[in-house]
Amino acid sequence: MAVRKPLYLDSGNIKEMTTAMVTEIVNQSVYQYSLSPSVVLSVVGSGGSLGGMTDTRLEAGAVSNSSTSFPGEGTTQEPQTITVSYDKISSTNTGSTPTTDTGITFPVFSNSGNIQAMNLQDVKDTFLHPAIDLLSAGTQNALQGGTYTIHSNSSLAGGTLVSNTPIFVDTKADISAYTSGTIGSHALDNPTTVNSYYLHRLTGNNNSYTQPLHIRSDNDLQTYTSSTFESLLQGWVRQTATSSAEGYKISYNLGTSGLGTNRGTGIANTVLNGSGDYQTRQVGDDYRSQEFPNGTAQTVETYYLRILKS
């Protein structure tokens, strides 16, 4: 591992950057990634590549009828489970063609008094790998710009909504919709929404930094233009995120367990925990019995979006 201190021009004097100045370039690398992420999550109708989640809720059991007396509770059908599958997040990698290293492409540093250009490994160790460390952290702020998180609202400070379509809707039976006076005439399934969950992309921050020196084709030193240096950073941090063979590739997974760091809100699947509310209704000589969902909502499983550096 070779972390370098690039050289820069300060009022006509060549100086080594401080650790804080190097950190500013790392943060700028994060910002450049946020402008054009190479690992992209999208919301699709179905068949998402990150796998599925399941929402479960209860509906009323079937109506039991008799012409002489109410069917007993032991003979009526218990509330039944409704299952809805969600597989709405897909991950794709977008191509990146970073600037080729010609031997003088990258910033210069002082090696025992000799000025030389950093090689690609130096750039990885100094800028790119620390940037990926920030991008893949579990926090969610501008230093994770361009990566994704889950929130139980379509609005998130510091983030951009990927789609108005929720990636998961947690529902439960609406107890208030079931009354004995409507037995035989209401729908078995009467859901109400507990929470809707949305995918957001975190927004980056264009921080200030000092442009380092590089070697020109005539072997003179020159300060990078902002556009040249930022294009260099963007190309290589995007390439690192999709193609690193050194443990700095970014990926996402979704489930109740998995590798990586949780991002954002846990996605809860809740179900009423009652054993059934037995009710009866008489309409002439039609004796009706039915069991309604009841109880309080309990979380039966929680899914997380995870970001993994590998």
Protein backbone atom coordinates (compact mmCIF):
# COMPACT_ATOMS: atom_id res chain seq x y z
CA MET A 1 0.00 0.00 0.00
CA ALA A 2 1.39 3.39 -1.01
CA VAL A 3 -0.50 6.45 0.16
CA ARG A 4 1.12 9.49 -1.43
CA LYS A 5 1.12 13.20 -0.66
CA PRO A 6 0.65 14.91 -4.01
CA LEU A 7 2.50 18.11 -4.78
CA TYR A 8 0.74 21.41 -5.44
CA LEU A 9 1.74 24.97 -6.28
CA ASP A 10 1.42 27.54 -3.49
CA SER A 11 2.28 31.09 -4.54
CA GLY A 12 5.01 29.82 -6.84
CA ASN A 13 6.34 27.27 -4.34
CA ILE A 14 5.94 23.50 -4.75
CA LYS A 15 4.63 21.91 -1.56
CA GLU A 16 3.38 18.56 -0.35
CA MET A 17 -0.30 18.30 0.41
CA THR A 18 -1.37 17.81 3.99
CA THR A 19 -3.48 14.84 5.03
CA ALA A 20 -6.49 17.16 5.18
CA MET A 21 -5.89 18.26 1.58
CA VAL A 22 -5.70 14.65 0.44
CA THR A 23 -8.98 13.98 2.26
CA GLU A 24 -10.58 16.82 0.32
CA ILE A 25 -9.63 15.07 -2.93
CA VAL A 26 -11.06 11.80 -1.58
CA ASN A 27 -14.31 13.64 -0.84
CA GLN A 28 -14.26 15.14 -4.33
CA SER A 29 -13.91 11.61 -5.71
CA VAL A 30 -17.10 10.72 -3.84
CA TYR A 31 -18.83 13.75 -5.34
CA GLN A 32 -17.71 12.80 -8.83
CA TYR A 33 -19.17 9.33 -8.28
CA SER A 34 -22.46 10.88 -7.14
CA LEU A 35 -22.74 12.70 -10.48
CA SER A 36 -22.59 9.46 -12.45
CA PRO A 37 -22.89 6.28 -10.35
CA SER A 38 -21.67 3.12 -12.03
CA VAL A 39 -23.67 0.75 -9.80
CA VAL A 40 -27.25 1.82 -10.43
CA LEU A 41 -30.44 0.70 -8.68
CA SER A 42 -33.78 1.15 -10.40
CA VAL A 43 -37.41 0.40 -9.57
CA VAL A 44 -39.08 -2.06 -11.94
CA GLY A 45 -42.57 -3.50 -12.20
CA SER A 46 -41.50 -7.01 -11.23
CA GLY A 47 -38.60 -9.43 -11.57
CA GLY A 48 -36.04 -7.19 -9.87
CA SER A 49 -32.55 -8.65 -9.68
CA LEU A 50 -32.13 -8.02 -5.95
CA GLY A 51 -34.72 -10.65 -5.10
CA GLY A 52 -38.13 -10.56 -3.51
CA MET A 53 -39.92 -9.56 -0.33
CA THR A 54 -43.29 -10.78 0.93
CA ASP A 55 -46.12 -8.82 2.50
CA THR A 56 -48.63 -10.93 4.41
CA ARG A 57 -51.95 -9.99 5.95
CA LEU A 58 -55.11 -11.74 7.16
CA GLU A 59 -58.52 -11.81 5.54
CA ALA A 60 -61.81 -13.06 6.99
CA GLY A 61 -62.58 -16.76 6.86
CA ALA A 62 -65.34 -17.99 4.59
CA VAL A 63 -68.95 -17.54 5.74
CA SER A 64 -70.62 -20.62 7.24
CA ASN A 65 -74.40 -20.96 6.83
CA SER A 66 -77.16 -22.99 8.43
CA SER A 67 -80.96 -22.86 8.20
CA THR A 68 -81.49 -23.91 11.83
CA SER A 69 -78.74 -22.41 14.04
CA PHE A 70 -75.48 -20.54 13.92
CA PRO A 71 -72.55 -22.73 12.87
CA GLY A 72 -70.24 -23.06 15.87
CA GLU A 73 -66.87 -21.36 16.09
CA GLY A 74 -65.12 -24.70 15.85
CA THR A 75 -66.65 -25.29 12.40
CA THR A 76 -66.01 -21.88 10.85
CA GLN A 77 -62.93 -21.19 8.77
CA GLU A 78 -60.14 -19.29 10.53
CA PRO A 79 -58.88 -15.99 9.04
CA GLN A 80 -56.73 -16.77 6.02
CA THR A 81 -53.34 -15.41 4.99
CA ILE A 82 -52.99 -13.23 1.88
CA THR A 83 -49.49 -13.05 0.40
CA VAL A 84 -48.23 -10.33 -1.96
CA SER A 85 -44.74 -10.55 -3.44
CA TYR A 86 -42.51 -7.56 -4.19
CA ASP A 87 -39.39 -7.79 -6.35
CA LYS A 88 -39.08 -4.24 -7.60
CA ILE A 89 -35.38 -3.34 -7.27
CA SER A 90 -32.88 -4.12 -10.02
CA SER A 91 -29.15 -3.46 -10.03
CA THR A 92 -27.12 -2.76 -13.16
CA ASN A 93 -23.52 -1.74 -13.73
CA THR A 94 -22.86 0.99 -16.26
CA GLY A 95 -19.70 1.02 -18.32
CA SER A 96 -16.75 3.26 -17.58
CA THR A 97 -13.69 3.99 -19.68
CA PRO A 98 -11.26 5.82 -17.42
CA THR A 99 -8.29 7.83 -18.65
CA THR A 100 -5.41 5.58 -19.64
CA ASP A 101 -2.25 5.86 -17.52
CA THR A 102 0.54 7.01 -19.84
CA GLY A 103 3.10 7.16 -17.05
CA ILE A 104 2.51 10.87 -16.46
CA THR A 105 -1.27 10.88 -16.24
CA PHE A 106 -1.61 11.02 -12.47
CA PRO A 107 -0.54 13.63 -9.88
CA VAL A 108 3.12 13.94 -8.90
CA PHE A 109 4.71 13.39 -5.51
CA SER A 110 8.20 13.68 -4.05
CA ASN A 111 10.10 10.42 -3.79
CA SER A 112 13.24 11.11 -1.75
CA GLY A 113 13.50 14.51 -3.42
CA ASN A 114 12.70 13.22 -6.90
CA ILE A 115 9.44 14.33 -8.46
CA GLN A 116 7.55 11.51 -10.14
CA ALA A 117 4.03 10.69 -11.20
CA MET A 118 1.84 8.46 -9.08
CA ASN A 119 1.04 5.12 -10.65
CA LEU A 120 -2.45 3.60 -10.69
CA GLN A 121 -1.87 1.68 -7.47
CA ASP A 122 -0.81 4.91 -5.75
CA VAL A 123 -4.02 6.56 -6.96
CA LYS A 124 -6.10 3.67 -5.70
CA ASP A 125 -4.46 3.69 -2.28
CA THR A 126 -4.52 7.47 -1.91
CA PHE A 127 -7.88 8.47 -3.42
CA LEU A 128 -10.04 5.69 -4.84
CA HIS A 129 -10.11 3.07 -2.10
CA PRO A 130 -10.77 5.63 0.66
CA ALA A 131 -13.58 7.03 -1.51
CA ILE A 132 -15.15 3.56 -1.84
CA ASP A 133 -14.83 3.14 1.95
CA LEU A 134 -16.93 6.27 2.36
CA LEU A 135 -19.43 5.34 -0.33
CA SER A 136 -20.09 1.93 1.20
CA ALA A 137 -20.48 3.13 4.79
CA GLY A 138 -23.73 2.63 6.66
CA THR A 139 -24.33 6.34 7.23
CA GLN A 140 -26.37 8.32 4.74
CA ASN A 141 -25.13 11.79 3.94
CA ALA A 142 -23.26 13.56 1.15
CA LEU A 143 -20.21 11.33 1.63
CA GLN A 144 -22.33 8.43 0.36
CA GLY A 145 -23.61 10.44 -2.60
CA GLY A 146 -24.64 8.31 -5.56
CA THR A 147 -25.46 5.28 -3.44
CA TYR A 148 -28.90 4.18 -2.29
CA THR A 149 -31.05 3.95 0.79
CA ILE A 150 -34.61 3.01 1.81
CA HIS A 151 -37.03 5.38 3.53
CA SER A 152 -40.67 5.01 4.59
CA ASN A 153 -41.55 8.26 2.86
CA SER A 154 -41.33 9.49 -0.70
CA SER A 155 -39.39 12.53 0.52
CA LEU A 156 -35.94 12.30 2.11
CA ALA A 157 -33.67 15.20 3.00
CA GLY A 158 -30.36 14.70 1.24
CA GLY A 159 -31.77 12.19 -1.21
CA THR A 160 -33.54 11.97 -4.55
CA LEU A 161 -36.57 9.72 -5.01
CA VAL A 162 -35.80 7.05 -7.60
CA SER A 163 -39.44 6.28 -8.35
CA ASN A 164 -42.88 7.25 -7.09
CA THR A 165 -43.66 3.53 -7.05
CA PRO A 166 -43.00 2.08 -3.60
CA ILE A 167 -40.67 -0.91 -3.51
CA PHE A 168 -42.77 -2.49 -0.74
CA VAL A 169 -46.17 -1.82 0.82
CA ASP A 170 -46.82 -3.28 4.26
CA THR A 171 -50.52 -3.96 4.77
CA LYS A 172 -52.72 -5.45 7.46
CA ALA A 173 -56.39 -6.31 7.72
CA ASP A 174 -58.59 -3.27 8.41
CA ILE A 175 -60.46 -4.47 11.50
CA SER A 176 -62.96 -1.61 11.27
CA ALA A 177 -64.15 -2.89 7.88
CA TYR A 178 -65.54 -6.11 9.40
CA THR A 179 -68.92 -5.98 11.16
CA SER A 180 -71.40 -8.69 11.95
CA GLY A 181 -74.11 -6.76 10.15
CA THR A 182 -72.35 -7.26 6.82
CA ILE A 183 -71.56 -10.97 7.09
CA GLY A 184 -72.15 -12.50 3.69
CA SER A 185 -72.12 -9.17 1.87
CA HIS A 186 -68.62 -7.74 2.41
CA ALA A 187 -65.30 -8.73 0.85
CA LEU A 188 -63.17 -11.23 2.71
CA ASP A 189 -60.04 -9.15 2.13
CA ASN A 190 -60.11 -5.58 3.47
CA PRO A 191 -56.52 -4.30 3.64
CA THR A 192 -55.18 -1.05 4.98
CA THR A 193 -51.66 0.29 4.43
CA VAL A 194 -49.30 0.39 7.39
CA ASN A 195 -46.23 1.76 5.59
CA SER A 196 -44.93 2.26 2.08
CA TYR A 197 -41.19 2.12 1.43
CA TYR A 198 -39.28 3.97 -1.29
CA LEU A 199 -35.86 3.83 -2.90
CA HIS A 200 -33.77 7.01 -2.75
CA ARG A 201 -30.36 7.97 -4.16
CA LEU A 202 -28.23 10.05 -1.82
CA THR A 203 -27.08 13.44 -3.03
CA GLY A 204 -23.39 14.38 -3.14
CA ASN A 205 -21.66 17.60 -2.15
CA ASN A 206 -19.27 19.51 -4.39
CA ASN A 207 -16.55 20.30 -1.84
CA SER A 208 -13.58 22.57 -2.42
CA TYR A 209 -10.13 21.04 -2.89
CA THR A 210 -6.65 21.95 -4.15
CA GLN A 211 -5.69 20.84 -7.65
CA PRO A 212 -2.42 18.91 -7.62
CA LEU A 213 0.44 19.17 -10.08
CA HIS A 214 1.01 16.78 -12.97
CA ILE A 215 3.72 16.29 -15.60
CA ARG A 216 2.99 17.71 -19.03
CA SER A 217 4.06 16.00 -22.22
CA ASP A 218 7.09 18.36 -22.37
CA ASN A 219 8.04 17.19 -18.84
CA ASP A 220 7.20 20.53 -17.22
CA LEU A 221 4.93 20.63 -14.19
CA GLN A 222 1.47 22.11 -14.41
CA THR A 223 -1.55 22.37 -12.15
CA TYR A 224 -4.49 20.30 -13.39
CA THR A 225 -7.51 22.18 -14.61
CA SER A 226 -10.55 21.34 -12.52
CA SER A 227 -12.33 19.70 -15.45
CA THR A 228 -9.36 17.48 -16.33
CA PHE A 229 -8.71 16.34 -12.79
CA GLU A 230 -12.37 15.76 -11.95
CA SER A 231 -12.86 13.73 -15.13
CA LEU A 232 -9.84 11.65 -14.12
CA LEU A 233 -11.27 11.02 -10.66
CA GLN A 234 -14.75 10.23 -11.95
CA GLY A 235 -13.61 7.72 -14.52
CA TRP A 236 -11.47 5.79 -12.09
CA VAL A 237 -13.82 5.81 -9.09
CA ARG A 238 -16.62 4.56 -11.34
CA GLN A 239 -14.34 1.82 -12.67
CA THR A 240 -13.27 0.84 -9.16
CA ALA A 241 -16.89 0.55 -7.96
CA THR A 242 -17.78 -1.96 -10.67
CA SER A 243 -14.54 -3.79 -11.40
CA SER A 244 -12.17 -3.74 -8.42
CA ALA A 245 -10.30 -6.99 -7.86
CA GLU A 246 -8.91 -5.71 -4.55
CA GLY A 247 -12.05 -5.73 -2.43
CA TYR A 248 -13.48 -2.33 -3.39
CA LYS A 249 -16.30 -3.32 -5.73
CA ILE A 250 -19.75 -2.06 -4.72
CA SER A 251 -22.88 -4.20 -4.83
CA TYR A 252 -26.27 -4.33 -3.13
CA ASN A 253 -28.44 -7.08 -1.74
CA LEU A 254 -31.88 -7.23 -0.18
CA GLY A 255 -33.30 -9.62 2.40
CA THR A 256 -33.81 -10.44 6.06
CA SER A 257 -30.10 -11.34 6.24
CA GLY A 258 -27.06 -10.92 4.05
CA LEU A 259 -23.58 -9.49 3.74
CA GLY A 260 -22.88 -5.79 3.85
CA THR A 261 -24.07 -2.76 5.75
CA ASN A 262 -27.73 -1.89 6.27
CA ARG A 263 -28.91 1.17 4.41
CA GLY A 264 -31.80 3.22 5.68
CA THR A 265 -35.07 2.03 7.17
CA GLY A 266 -35.81 -1.61 7.80
CA ILE A 267 -38.74 -2.82 5.69
CA ALA A 268 -41.22 -4.39 8.08
CA ASN A 269 -43.85 -6.99 7.21
CA THR A 270 -46.51 -6.83 9.91
CA VAL A 271 -49.48 -9.15 10.55
CA LEU A 272 -52.31 -9.06 13.10
CA ASN A 273 -51.66 -11.58 15.86
CA GLY A 274 -55.25 -12.46 16.85
CA SER A 275 -56.74 -15.95 16.63
CA GLY A 276 -59.98 -14.80 14.97
CA ASP A 277 -63.06 -12.82 16.03
CA TYR A 278 -66.12 -15.10 15.78
CA GLN A 279 -69.28 -13.20 14.77
CA THR A 280 -72.82 -14.18 13.75
CA ARG A 281 -75.71 -12.73 11.75
CA GLN A 282 -79.26 -13.96 11.16
CA VAL A 283 -81.16 -13.04 7.99
CA GLY A 284 -84.55 -14.78 8.15
CA ASP A 285 -83.81 -18.50 8.41
CA ASP A 286 -80.23 -17.99 7.20
CA TYR A 287 -77.90 -18.30 10.17
CA ARG A 288 -74.46 -17.04 9.29
CA SER A 289 -71.14 -17.31 11.14
CA GLN A 290 -67.74 -15.90 10.23
CA GLU A 291 -64.36 -15.25 11.82
CA PHE A 292 -62.76 -11.85 11.28
CA PRO A 293 -59.10 -10.87 11.62
CA ASN A 294 -58.27 -9.35 14.99
CA GLY A 295 -55.37 -8.58 17.30
CA THR A 296 -52.53 -6.07 17.05
CA ALA A 297 -49.95 -5.71 14.33
CA GLN A 298 -46.71 -7.61 14.97
CA THR A 299 -43.58 -7.52 12.82
CA VAL A 300 -42.96 -11.01 11.49
CA GLU A 301 -39.91 -10.19 9.38
CA THR A 302 -37.79 -7.19 8.50
CA TYR A 303 -35.96 -6.76 5.20
CA TYR A 304 -32.95 -4.51 4.66
CA LEU A 305 -31.22 -3.04 1.66
CA ARG A 306 -27.49 -3.65 2.16
CA ILE A 307 -24.47 -2.15 0.46
CA LEU A 308 -21.45 -4.42 0.18
CA LYS A 309 -17.82 -3.63 -0.56
CA SER A 310 -16.07 -6.75 -1.83
